[in-house]
Each structure stands twice: as structure tokens, then as C-alpha cells.
Amino acid sequence: MKPEEININHREVRKHLNEKLDTEFQQFLIMWDIDEMSKRMCMSKSFLEREFLHDPRMRLLERRKEKGKRYWFYEQSLEVMKEIMDGW
């Protein structure tokens, strides 16, 4: 390798940037829906429903108007999801 050449691991750069973006995004995220939850947690909606959203702790955090879209407070629901996973 010549002194002026620089090898860049694009995969690592992309991973680092995504982590930084996620961190910044989380600072502004107040609530999330099942679509965002599925995307961020890398889990299917059916798995989320079955393993997390029917849990009484998550139901307490759920917000929705009558027959409307469901939302959960981000920080609180993330903590509950960690608790649920710790019990697996």
C-alpha cells in the first residue's frame, strides 16, 4: 500500500453512521407505532404482537383513540421490552 492510499471499510463506516443517526433520532423520538417498532427492533409485527404488545405492562403504555392507530411512549416501552426479553 502506498503512503497516500487509504483503505476504507465502507461497511464499518455505514454501521457507525447508522448508530450515530439512531442515537440522534432517539433523542427526538417521543412515541412510536408498531411499524416503527418493527423496523427499529428488527422484528415482525406478528412477533411484536405475540411477544410484547399483549403483555399487561405494554398495554398500560398504549395510547389510541377509539379504533385508532396505536402508539407507545418510546423510552418507557423500550424499557418494558427489555424487561420482557430478560425474562425469556
C-alpha atoms as a PDB file:
ATOM      1  CA  MET A   1       0.000   0.000   0.000  1.00  0.00           C
ATOM      2  CA  LYS A   2       1.326   3.399  -0.955  1.00  0.00           C
ATOM      3  CA  PRO A   3       1.542   6.084   1.770  1.00  0.00           C
ATOM      4  CA  GLU A   4      -1.141   8.210   0.097  1.00  0.00           C
ATOM      5  CA  GLU A   5      -3.620   5.297  -0.171  1.00  0.00           C
ATOM      6  CA  ILE A   6      -6.256   4.849   2.489  1.00  0.00           C
ATOM      7  CA  ASN A   7      -8.334   1.706   2.820  1.00  0.00           C
ATOM      8  CA  ILE A   8     -11.872   2.444   3.923  1.00  0.00           C
ATOM      9  CA  ASN A   9     -14.120  -0.244   5.308  1.00  0.00           C
ATOM     10  CA  HIS A  10     -17.407   1.022   3.933  1.00  0.00           C
ATOM     11  CA  ARG A  11     -19.417  -1.481   5.955  1.00  0.00           C
ATOM     12  CA  GLU A  12     -17.919  -0.196   9.220  1.00  0.00           C
ATOM     13  CA  VAL A  13     -18.399   3.431   8.198  1.00  0.00           C
ATOM     14  CA  ARG A  14     -22.050   2.754   7.309  1.00  0.00           C
ATOM     15  CA  LYS A  15     -22.578   0.900  10.607  1.00  0.00           C
ATOM     16  CA  HIS A  16     -21.050   3.758  12.598  1.00  0.00           C
ATOM     17  CA  LEU A  17     -23.150   6.375  10.791  1.00  0.00           C
ATOM     18  CA  ASN A  18     -26.333   4.366  11.316  1.00  0.00           C
ATOM     19  CA  GLU A  19     -25.567   4.046  15.029  1.00  0.00           C
ATOM     20  CA  LYS A  20     -24.991   7.786  15.314  1.00  0.00           C
ATOM     21  CA  LEU A  21     -28.207   8.536  13.414  1.00  0.00           C
ATOM     22  CA  ASP A  22     -30.149   6.151  15.635  1.00  0.00           C
ATOM     23  CA  THR A  23     -28.759   7.849  18.730  1.00  0.00           C
ATOM     24  CA  GLU A  24     -29.740  11.277  17.413  1.00  0.00           C
ATOM     25  CA  PHE A  25     -33.139  10.021  16.301  1.00  0.00           C
ATOM     26  CA  GLN A  26     -33.857   8.527  19.719  1.00  0.00           C
ATOM     27  CA  GLN A  27     -33.306  11.899  21.375  1.00  0.00           C
ATOM     28  CA  PHE A  28     -36.255  13.285  19.424  1.00  0.00           C
ATOM     29  CA  LEU A  29     -38.482  10.218  19.374  1.00  0.00           C
ATOM     30  CA  ILE A  30     -41.305  10.535  21.884  1.00  0.00           C
ATOM     31  CA  MET A  31     -43.710   7.906  20.630  1.00  0.00           C
ATOM     32  CA  TRP A  32     -43.626   5.078  18.119  1.00  0.00           C
ATOM     33  CA  ASP A  33     -46.142   2.880  16.378  1.00  0.00           C
ATOM     34  CA  ILE A  34     -45.917  -0.795  15.514  1.00  0.00           C
ATOM     35  CA  ASP A  35     -44.393  -0.040  12.097  1.00  0.00           C
ATOM     36  CA  GLU A  36     -41.527   1.953  13.602  1.00  0.00           C
ATOM     37  CA  MET A  37     -41.166  -0.566  16.406  1.00  0.00           C
ATOM     38  CA  SER A  38     -40.897  -3.390  13.875  1.00  0.00           C
ATOM     39  CA  LYS A  39     -38.286  -1.530  11.879  1.00  0.00           C
ATOM     40  CA  ARG A  40     -36.161  -0.472  14.852  1.00  0.00           C
ATOM     41  CA  MET A  41     -36.360  -3.797  16.683  1.00  0.00           C
ATOM     42  CA  CYS A  42     -35.852  -5.922  13.519  1.00  0.00           C
ATOM     43  CA  MET A  43     -38.897  -7.990  14.453  1.00  0.00           C
ATOM     44  CA  SER A  44     -42.073  -8.772  12.557  1.00  0.00           C
ATOM     45  CA  LYS A  45     -45.320  -7.117  13.589  1.00  0.00           C
ATOM     46  CA  SER A  46     -46.857 -10.507  14.405  1.00  0.00           C
ATOM     47  CA  PHE A  47     -43.906 -11.352  16.678  1.00  0.00           C
ATOM     48  CA  LEU A  48     -44.205  -7.978  18.415  1.00  0.00           C
ATOM     49  CA  GLU A  49     -47.932  -8.514  18.916  1.00  0.00           C
ATOM     50  CA  ARG A  50     -47.457 -12.023  20.284  1.00  0.00           C
ATOM     51  CA  GLU A  51     -44.385 -11.479  22.466  1.00  0.00           C
ATOM     52  CA  PHE A  52     -44.658  -7.865  23.606  1.00  0.00           C
ATOM     53  CA  LEU A  53     -47.832  -5.955  22.870  1.00  0.00           C
ATOM     54  CA  HIS A  54     -50.194  -8.321  24.673  1.00  0.00           C
ATOM     55  CA  ASP A  55     -48.122  -8.027  27.837  1.00  0.00           C
ATOM     56  CA  PRO A  56     -50.051  -6.063  30.512  1.00  0.00           C
ATOM     57  CA  ARG A  57     -47.086  -3.710  31.031  1.00  0.00           C
ATOM     58  CA  MET A  58     -47.124  -2.721  27.359  1.00  0.00           C
ATOM     59  CA  ARG A  59     -50.909  -2.387  27.330  1.00  0.00           C
ATOM     60  CA  LEU A  60     -50.613   0.211  30.087  1.00  0.00           C
ATOM     61  CA  LEU A  61     -48.364   2.293  27.842  1.00  0.00           C
ATOM     62  CA  GLU A  62     -50.555   2.011  24.746  1.00  0.00           C
ATOM     63  CA  ARG A  63     -52.304   5.179  23.600  1.00  0.00           C
ATOM     64  CA  ARG A  64     -55.013   5.364  20.974  1.00  0.00           C
ATOM     65  CA  LYS A  65     -58.296   6.964  20.176  1.00  0.00           C
ATOM     66  CA  GLU A  66     -61.257   4.651  19.808  1.00  0.00           C
ATOM     67  CA  LYS A  67     -60.379   2.217  16.999  1.00  0.00           C
ATOM     68  CA  GLY A  68     -57.469   4.463  16.019  1.00  0.00           C
ATOM     69  CA  LYS A  69     -53.808   3.858  15.437  1.00  0.00           C
ATOM     70  CA  ARG A  70     -51.896   2.624  18.480  1.00  0.00           C
ATOM     71  CA  TYR A  71     -48.843   4.431  19.863  1.00  0.00           C
ATOM     72  CA  TRP A  72     -46.444   3.749  22.733  1.00  0.00           C
ATOM     73  CA  PHE A  73     -44.153   6.121  24.587  1.00  0.00           C
ATOM     74  CA  TYR A  74     -40.729   5.272  23.242  1.00  0.00           C
ATOM     75  CA  GLU A  75     -38.482   5.318  26.318  1.00  0.00           C
ATOM     76  CA  GLN A  76     -40.981   3.607  28.614  1.00  0.00           C
ATOM     77  CA  SER A  77     -41.950   0.895  26.131  1.00  0.00           C
ATOM     78  CA  LEU A  78     -38.312   0.195  25.282  1.00  0.00           C
ATOM     79  CA  GLU A  79     -37.590  -0.401  28.969  1.00  0.00           C
ATOM     80  CA  VAL A  80     -40.583  -2.747  29.274  1.00  0.00           C
ATOM     81  CA  MET A  81     -39.461  -4.621  26.167  1.00  0.00           C
ATOM     82  CA  LYS A  82     -36.018  -5.098  27.737  1.00  0.00           C
ATOM     83  CA  GLU A  83     -37.671  -6.448  30.892  1.00  0.00           C
ATOM     84  CA  ILE A  84     -39.725  -8.881  28.824  1.00  0.00           C
ATOM     85  CA  MET A  85     -36.650 -10.059  26.925  1.00  0.00           C
ATOM     86  CA  ASP A  86     -34.715 -10.522  30.164  1.00  0.00           C
ATOM     87  CA  GLY A  87     -37.419 -12.999  31.224  1.00  0.00           C
ATOM     88  CA  TRP A  88     -37.027 -15.211  28.143  1.00  0.00           C
END
